[in-house]
PDB file of all heavy atoms in Angstrom:
ATOM      1  N   ASN A   1       0.827  -1.222   0.000  1.00  0.00           N
ATOM      2  CA  ASN A   1       0.000   0.000   0.000  1.00  0.00           C
ATOM      3  C   ASN A   1       0.858   1.267   0.000  1.00  0.00           C
ATOM      4  O   ASN A   1       0.573   2.253   0.700  1.00  0.00           O
ATOM      5  CB  ASN A   1      -0.938   0.000   1.207  1.00  0.00           C
ATOM      6  CG  ASN A   1      -2.151   0.898   1.003  1.00  0.00           C
ATOM      7  OD1 ASN A   1      -2.620   1.085  -0.119  1.00  0.00           O
ATOM      8  ND2 ASN A   1      -2.656   1.471   2.075  1.00  0.00           N
ATOM      9  N   GLU A   2       1.924   1.256  -0.807  1.00  0.00           N
ATOM     10  CA  GLU A   2       2.886   2.357  -0.794  1.00  0.00           C
ATOM     11  C   GLU A   2       2.281   3.675  -1.270  1.00  0.00           C
ATOM     12  O   GLU A   2       2.646   4.744  -0.762  1.00  0.00           O
ATOM     13  CB  GLU A   2       4.094   2.003  -1.671  1.00  0.00           C
ATOM     14  CG  GLU A   2       4.983   0.909  -1.093  1.00  0.00           C
ATOM     15  CD  GLU A   2       6.186   0.631  -1.973  1.00  0.00           C
ATOM     16  OE1 GLU A   2       6.336   1.316  -3.014  1.00  0.00           O
ATOM     17  OE2 GLU A   2       6.988  -0.262  -1.629  1.00  0.00           O
ATOM     18  N   LEU A   3       1.358   3.628  -2.228  1.00  0.00           N
ATOM     19  CA  LEU A   3       0.820   4.868  -2.788  1.00  0.00           C
ATOM     20  C   LEU A   3       0.051   5.658  -1.744  1.00  0.00           C
ATOM     21  O   LEU A   3       0.304   6.847  -1.533  1.00  0.00           O
ATOM     22  CB  LEU A   3      -0.074   4.564  -4.000  1.00  0.00           C
ATOM     23  CG  LEU A   3      -0.760   5.766  -4.634  1.00  0.00           C
ATOM     24  CD1 LEU A   3       0.266   6.765  -5.155  1.00  0.00           C
ATOM     25  CD2 LEU A   3      -1.693   5.322  -5.767  1.00  0.00           C
ATOM     26  N   PHE A   4      -0.880   5.021  -1.064  1.00  0.00           N
ATOM     27  CA  PHE A   4      -1.726   5.745  -0.119  1.00  0.00           C
ATOM     28  C   PHE A   4      -0.934   6.186   1.109  1.00  0.00           C
ATOM     29  O   PHE A   4      -1.249   7.205   1.734  1.00  0.00           O
ATOM     30  CB  PHE A   4      -2.909   4.871   0.308  1.00  0.00           C
ATOM     31  CG  PHE A   4      -4.022   5.641   0.958  1.00  0.00           C
ATOM     32  CD1 PHE A   4      -4.878   6.411   0.199  1.00  0.00           C
ATOM     33  CD2 PHE A   4      -4.208   5.600   2.334  1.00  0.00           C
ATOM     34  CE1 PHE A   4      -5.907   7.131   0.797  1.00  0.00           C
ATOM     35  CE2 PHE A   4      -5.227   6.309   2.934  1.00  0.00           C
ATOM     36  CZ  PHE A   4      -6.079   7.082   2.161  1.00  0.00           C
ATOM     37  N   GLU A   5       0.102   5.424   1.457  1.00  0.00           N
ATOM     38  CA  GLU A   5       0.878   5.735   2.657  1.00  0.00           C
ATOM     39  C   GLU A   5       2.058   6.660   2.371  1.00  0.00           C
ATOM     40  O   GLU A   5       2.880   6.902   3.259  1.00  0.00           O
ATOM     41  CB  GLU A   5       1.356   4.436   3.303  1.00  0.00           C
ATOM     42  CG  GLU A   5       0.206   3.574   3.832  1.00  0.00           C
ATOM     43  CD  GLU A   5       0.678   2.263   4.430  1.00  0.00           C
ATOM     44  OE1 GLU A   5       1.903   2.074   4.551  1.00  0.00           O
ATOM     45  OE2 GLU A   5      -0.181   1.435   4.779  1.00  0.00           O
ATOM     46  N   GLY A   6       2.171   7.149   1.136  1.00  0.00           N
ATOM     47  CA  GLY A   6       3.194   8.134   0.823  1.00  0.00           C
ATOM     48  C   GLY A   6       4.591   7.572   0.674  1.00  0.00           C
ATOM     49  O   GLY A   6       5.571   8.309   0.792  1.00  0.00           O
ATOM     50  N   ARG A   7       4.698   6.261   0.375  1.00  0.00           N
ATOM     51  CA  ARG A   7       6.007   5.633   0.224  1.00  0.00           C
ATOM     52  C   ARG A   7       6.296   5.196  -1.208  1.00  0.00           C
ATOM     53  O   ARG A   7       7.332   4.600  -1.476  1.00  0.00           O
ATOM     54  CB  ARG A   7       6.117   4.425   1.159  1.00  0.00           C
ATOM     55  CG  ARG A   7       6.099   4.806   2.643  1.00  0.00           C
ATOM     56  CD  ARG A   7       6.212   3.600   3.559  1.00  0.00           C
ATOM     57  NE  ARG A   7       4.976   2.815   3.582  1.00  0.00           N
ATOM     58  CZ  ARG A   7       4.826   1.644   2.996  1.00  0.00           C
ATOM     59  NH1 ARG A   7       5.809   1.107   2.309  1.00  0.00           N
ATOM     60  NH2 ARG A   7       3.674   0.998   3.084  1.00  0.00           N
ATOM     61  N   TYR A   8       5.381   5.483  -2.131  1.00  0.00           N
ATOM     62  CA  TYR A   8       5.593   5.083  -3.524  1.00  0.00           C
ATOM     63  C   TYR A   8       6.567   6.065  -4.178  1.00  0.00           C
ATOM     64  O   TYR A   8       6.338   7.283  -4.162  1.00  0.00           O
ATOM     65  CB  TYR A   8       4.266   5.065  -4.286  1.00  0.00           C
ATOM     66  CG  TYR A   8       4.394   4.524  -5.693  1.00  0.00           C
ATOM     67  CD1 TYR A   8       4.243   3.169  -5.946  1.00  0.00           C
ATOM     68  CD2 TYR A   8       4.688   5.370  -6.762  1.00  0.00           C
ATOM     69  CE1 TYR A   8       4.373   2.666  -7.225  1.00  0.00           C
ATOM     70  CE2 TYR A   8       4.827   4.863  -8.045  1.00  0.00           C
ATOM     71  CZ  TYR A   8       4.674   3.521  -8.269  1.00  0.00           C
ATOM     72  OH  TYR A   8       4.811   3.011  -9.551  1.00  0.00           O
ATOM     73  N   GLU A   9       7.632   5.530  -4.760  1.00  0.00           N
ATOM     74  CA  GLU A   9       8.685   6.371  -5.317  1.00  0.00           C
ATOM     75  C   GLU A   9       8.648   6.387  -6.837  1.00  0.00           C
ATOM     76  O   GLU A   9       8.439   5.352  -7.478  1.00  0.00           O
ATOM     77  CB  GLU A   9      10.061   5.887  -4.842  1.00  0.00           C
ATOM     78  CG  GLU A   9      10.286   6.052  -3.356  1.00  0.00           C
ATOM     79  CD  GLU A   9      11.699   5.690  -2.939  1.00  0.00           C
ATOM     80  OE1 GLU A   9      12.475   5.208  -3.806  1.00  0.00           O
ATOM     81  OE2 GLU A   9      12.042   5.889  -1.753  1.00  0.00           O
ATOM     82  N   VAL A  10       8.836   7.561  -7.393  1.00  0.00           N
ATOM     83  CA  VAL A  10       9.056   7.763  -8.825  1.00  0.00           C
ATOM     84  C   VAL A  10      10.370   8.517  -8.962  1.00  0.00           C
ATOM     85  O   VAL A  10      10.551   9.574  -8.332  1.00  0.00           O
ATOM     86  CB  VAL A  10       7.906   8.560  -9.478  1.00  0.00           C
ATOM     87  CG1 VAL A  10       8.190   8.768 -10.961  1.00  0.00           C
ATOM     88  CG2 VAL A  10       6.571   7.842  -9.287  1.00  0.00           C
ATOM     89  N   ASP A  11      11.273   7.968  -9.744  1.00  0.00           N
ATOM     90  CA  ASP A  11      12.613   8.557  -9.906  1.00  0.00           C
ATOM     91  C   ASP A  11      13.344   8.687  -8.573  1.00  0.00           C
ATOM     92  O   ASP A  11      14.044   9.668  -8.303  1.00  0.00           O
ATOM     93  CB  ASP A  11      12.536   9.937 -10.585  1.00  0.00           C
ATOM     94  CG  ASP A  11      12.001   9.851 -12.005  1.00  0.00           C
ATOM     95  OD1 ASP A  11      12.073   8.750 -12.590  1.00  0.00           O
ATOM     96  OD2 ASP A  11      11.510  10.865 -12.513  1.00  0.00           O
ATOM     97  N   GLY A  12      13.143   7.699  -7.697  1.00  0.00           N
ATOM     98  CA  GLY A  12      13.892   7.663  -6.456  1.00  0.00           C
ATOM     99  C   GLY A  12      13.370   8.546  -5.347  1.00  0.00           C
ATOM    100  O   GLY A  12      13.958   8.608  -4.266  1.00  0.00           O
ATOM    101  N   ARG A  13      12.252   9.229  -5.555  1.00  0.00           N
ATOM    102  CA  ARG A  13      11.674  10.105  -4.543  1.00  0.00           C
ATOM    103  C   ARG A  13      10.190   9.783  -4.377  1.00  0.00           C
ATOM    104  O   ARG A  13       9.496   9.529  -5.367  1.00  0.00           O
ATOM    105  CB  ARG A  13      11.852  11.570  -4.928  1.00  0.00           C
ATOM    106  CG  ARG A  13      13.307  12.050  -4.971  1.00  0.00           C
ATOM    107  CD  ARG A  13      13.382  13.419  -5.638  1.00  0.00           C
ATOM    108  NE  ARG A  13      12.486  14.373  -5.008  1.00  0.00           N
ATOM    109  CZ  ARG A  13      11.967  15.428  -5.647  1.00  0.00           C
ATOM    110  NH1 ARG A  13      12.245  15.639  -6.926  1.00  0.00           N
ATOM    111  NH2 ARG A  13      11.178  16.267  -4.997  1.00  0.00           N
ATOM    112  N   PRO A  14       9.678   9.804  -3.134  1.00  0.00           N
ATOM    113  CA  PRO A  14       8.276   9.466  -2.922  1.00  0.00           C
ATOM    114  C   PRO A  14       7.337  10.552  -3.436  1.00  0.00           C
ATOM    115  O   PRO A  14       7.697  11.733  -3.492  1.00  0.00           O
ATOM    116  CB  PRO A  14       8.166   9.325  -1.399  1.00  0.00           C
ATOM    117  CG  PRO A  14       9.278  10.149  -0.857  1.00  0.00           C
ATOM    118  CD  PRO A  14      10.390  10.062  -1.865  1.00  0.00           C
ATOM    119  N   ILE A  15       6.139  10.129  -3.801  1.00  0.00           N
ATOM    120  CA  ILE A  15       5.076  11.055  -4.192  1.00  0.00           C
ATOM    121  C   ILE A  15       3.971  10.983  -3.143  1.00  0.00           C
ATOM    122  O   ILE A  15       3.864   9.995  -2.409  1.00  0.00           O
ATOM    123  CB  ILE A  15       4.506  10.743  -5.584  1.00  0.00           C
ATOM    124  CG1 ILE A  15       3.952   9.311  -5.639  1.00  0.00           C
ATOM    125  CG2 ILE A  15       5.570  10.950  -6.659  1.00  0.00           C
ATOM    126  CD1 ILE A  15       3.221   8.970  -6.929  1.00  0.00           C
ATOM    127  N   ALA A  16       3.150  12.006  -3.074  1.00  0.00           N
ATOM    128  CA  ALA A  16       2.084  12.062  -2.061  1.00  0.00           C
ATOM    129  C   ALA A  16       0.773  12.464  -2.716  1.00  0.00           C
ATOM    130  O   ALA A  16       0.704  13.466  -3.447  1.00  0.00           O
ATOM    131  CB  ALA A  16       2.449  13.053  -0.962  1.00  0.00           C
ATOM    132  N   LEU A  17      -0.277  11.691  -2.447  1.00  0.00           N
ATOM    133  CA  LEU A  17      -1.596  12.018  -2.997  1.00  0.00           C
ATOM    134  C   LEU A  17      -2.100  13.347  -2.463  1.00  0.00           C
ATOM    135  O   LEU A  17      -2.890  14.035  -3.116  1.00  0.00           O
ATOM    136  CB  LEU A  17      -2.588  10.904  -2.667  1.00  0.00           C
ATOM    137  CG  LEU A  17      -2.319   9.531  -3.310  1.00  0.00           C
ATOM    138  CD1 LEU A  17      -3.251   8.492  -2.730  1.00  0.00           C
ATOM    139  CD2 LEU A  17      -2.482   9.609  -4.824  1.00  0.00           C
ATOM    140  N   GLY A  18      -1.660  13.729  -1.268  1.00  0.00           N
ATOM    141  CA  GLY A  18      -2.085  14.994  -0.692  1.00  0.00           C
ATOM    142  C   GLY A  18      -1.608  16.207  -1.460  1.00  0.00           C
ATOM    143  O   GLY A  18      -2.106  17.320  -1.237  1.00  0.00           O
ATOM    144  N   ASP A  19      -0.638  16.012  -2.386  1.00  0.00           N
ATOM    145  CA  ASP A  19      -0.168  17.127  -3.214  1.00  0.00           C
ATOM    146  C   ASP A  19      -1.124  17.441  -4.369  1.00  0.00           C
ATOM    147  O   ASP A  19      -0.948  18.446  -5.058  1.00  0.00           O
ATOM    148  CB  ASP A  19       1.218  16.810  -3.790  1.00  0.00           C
ATOM    149  CG  ASP A  19       2.299  16.788  -2.726  1.00  0.00           C
ATOM    150  OD1 ASP A  19       2.071  17.377  -1.654  1.00  0.00           O
ATOM    151  OD2 ASP A  19       3.355  16.168  -2.957  1.00  0.00           O
ATOM    152  N   ILE A  20      -2.118  16.563  -4.586  1.00  0.00           N
ATOM    153  CA  ILE A  20      -3.060  16.770  -5.698  1.00  0.00           C
ATOM    154  C   ILE A  20      -4.156  17.721  -5.239  1.00  0.00           C
ATOM    155  O   ILE A  20      -5.068  17.340  -4.497  1.00  0.00           O
ATOM    156  CB  ILE A  20      -3.677  15.431  -6.161  1.00  0.00           C
ATOM    157  CG1 ILE A  20      -2.584  14.430  -6.521  1.00  0.00           C
ATOM    158  CG2 ILE A  20      -4.611  15.660  -7.352  1.00  0.00           C
ATOM    159  CD1 ILE A  20      -3.117  13.036  -6.840  1.00  0.00           C
ATOM    160  N   HIS A  21      -4.080  18.959  -5.646  1.00  0.00           N
ATOM    161  CA  HIS A  21      -5.094  19.952  -5.275  1.00  0.00           C
ATOM    162  C   HIS A  21      -5.982  20.227  -6.486  1.00  0.00           C
ATOM    163  O   HIS A  21      -5.935  21.303  -7.089  1.00  0.00           O
ATOM    164  CB  HIS A  21      -4.423  21.226  -4.777  1.00  0.00           C
ATOM    165  CG  HIS A  21      -3.551  21.007  -3.579  1.00  0.00           C
ATOM    166  ND1 HIS A  21      -4.050  20.742  -2.325  1.00  0.00           N
ATOM    167  CD2 HIS A  21      -2.197  20.988  -3.455  1.00  0.00           C
ATOM    168  CE1 HIS A  21      -3.062  20.580  -1.468  1.00  0.00           C
ATOM    169  NE2 HIS A  21      -1.922  20.724  -2.125  1.00  0.00           N
ATOM    170  N   LEU A  22      -6.779  19.233  -6.838  1.00  0.00           N
ATOM    171  CA  LEU A  22      -7.641  19.316  -8.017  1.00  0.00           C
ATOM    172  C   LEU A  22      -9.028  18.796  -7.660  1.00  0.00           C
ATOM    173  O   LEU A  22      -9.163  17.912  -6.801  1.00  0.00           O
ATOM    174  CB  LEU A  22      -7.073  18.470  -9.164  1.00  0.00           C
ATOM    175  CG  LEU A  22      -5.750  18.904  -9.781  1.00  0.00           C
ATOM    176  CD1 LEU A  22      -5.227  17.819 -10.708  1.00  0.00           C
ATOM    177  CD2 LEU A  22      -5.926  20.214 -10.547  1.00  0.00           C
ATOM    178  N   PRO A  23     -10.064  19.308  -8.310  1.00  0.00           N
ATOM    179  CA  PRO A  23     -11.387  18.704  -8.111  1.00  0.00           C
ATOM    180  C   PRO A  23     -11.394  17.276  -8.633  1.00  0.00           C
ATOM    181  O   PRO A  23     -10.838  16.990  -9.694  1.00  0.00           O
ATOM    182  CB  PRO A  23     -12.323  19.611  -8.919  1.00  0.00           C
ATOM    183  CG  PRO A  23     -11.441  20.355  -9.860  1.00  0.00           C
ATOM    184  CD  PRO A  23     -10.109  20.466  -9.225  1.00  0.00           C
ATOM    185  N   MET A  24     -11.998  16.378  -7.861  1.00  0.00           N
ATOM    186  CA  MET A  24     -12.003  14.961  -8.222  1.00  0.00           C
ATOM    187  C   MET A  24     -13.428  14.427  -8.204  1.00  0.00           C
ATOM    188  O   MET A  24     -14.225  14.758  -7.321  1.00  0.00           O
ATOM    189  CB  MET A  24     -11.131  14.159  -7.265  1.00  0.00           C
ATOM    190  CG  MET A  24     -11.114  12.662  -7.558  1.00  0.00           C
ATOM    191  SD  MET A  24      -9.930  11.754  -6.538  1.00  0.00           S
ATOM    192  CE  MET A  24      -8.384  12.282  -7.273  1.00  0.00           C
ATOM    193  N   PHE A  25     -13.713  13.582  -9.185  1.00  0.00           N
ATOM    194  CA  PHE A  25     -15.010  12.908  -9.283  1.00  0.00           C
ATOM    195  C   PHE A  25     -14.724  11.406  -9.235  1.00  0.00           C
ATOM    196  O   PHE A  25     -14.080  10.865 -10.133  1.00  0.00           O
ATOM    197  CB  PHE A  25     -15.714  13.279 -10.592  1.00  0.00           C
ATOM    198  CG  PHE A  25     -17.178  12.920 -10.640  1.00  0.00           C
ATOM    199  CD1 PHE A  25     -18.139  13.885 -10.395  1.00  0.00           C
ATOM    200  CD2 PHE A  25     -17.598  11.640 -10.934  1.00  0.00           C
ATOM    201  CE1 PHE A  25     -19.496  13.584 -10.444  1.00  0.00           C
ATOM    202  CE2 PHE A  25     -18.947  11.317 -10.988  1.00  0.00           C
ATOM    203  CZ  PHE A  25     -19.903  12.290 -10.741  1.00  0.00           C
ATOM    204  N   ALA A  26     -15.162  10.738  -8.169  1.00  0.00           N
ATOM    205  CA  ALA A  26     -14.885   9.312  -7.992  1.00  0.00           C
ATOM    206  C   ALA A  26     -16.178   8.520  -8.103  1.00  0.00           C
ATOM    207  O   ALA A  26     -17.158   8.816  -7.411  1.00  0.00           O
ATOM    208  CB  ALA A  26     -14.225   9.062  -6.641  1.00  0.00           C
ATOM    209  N   VAL A  27     -16.171   7.513  -8.976  1.00  0.00           N
ATOM    210  CA  VAL A  27     -17.343   6.664  -9.205  1.00  0.00           C
ATOM    211  C   VAL A  27     -17.036   5.259  -8.701  1.00  0.00           C
ATOM    212  O   VAL A  27     -15.986   4.689  -9.005  1.00  0.00           O
ATOM    213  CB  VAL A  27     -17.719   6.604 -10.697  1.00  0.00           C
ATOM    214  CG1 VAL A  27     -18.946   5.708 -10.911  1.00  0.00           C
ATOM    215  CG2 VAL A  27     -17.981   8.004 -11.233  1.00  0.00           C
ATOM    216  N   ALA A  28     -17.951   4.700  -7.906  1.00  0.00           N
ATOM    217  CA  ALA A  28     -17.845   3.315  -7.447  1.00  0.00           C
ATOM    218  C   ALA A  28     -19.151   2.604  -7.776  1.00  0.00           C
ATOM    219  O   ALA A  28     -20.182   3.248  -8.025  1.00  0.00           O
ATOM    220  CB  ALA A  28     -17.573   3.271  -5.946  1.00  0.00           C
ATOM    221  N   THR A  29     -19.111   1.274  -7.774  1.00  0.00           N
ATOM    222  CA  THR A  29     -20.316   0.493  -8.069  1.00  0.00           C
ATOM    223  C   THR A  29     -20.616  -0.448  -6.903  1.00  0.00           C
ATOM    224  O   THR A  29     -19.705  -0.986  -6.271  1.00  0.00           O
ATOM    225  CB  THR A  29     -20.156  -0.324  -9.370  1.00  0.00           C
ATOM    226  OG1 THR A  29     -19.083  -1.264  -9.223  1.00  0.00           O
ATOM    227  CG2 THR A  29     -19.844   0.602 -10.540  1.00  0.00           C
TER     228      THR A  29
END
């Protein structure tokens, strides 16, 4: 679960979902 926990790395550095400051539309079924 590296992505949600802020441990997923791209180019050797982690990325964080909290950096996404955009309107989001999420659909589930």
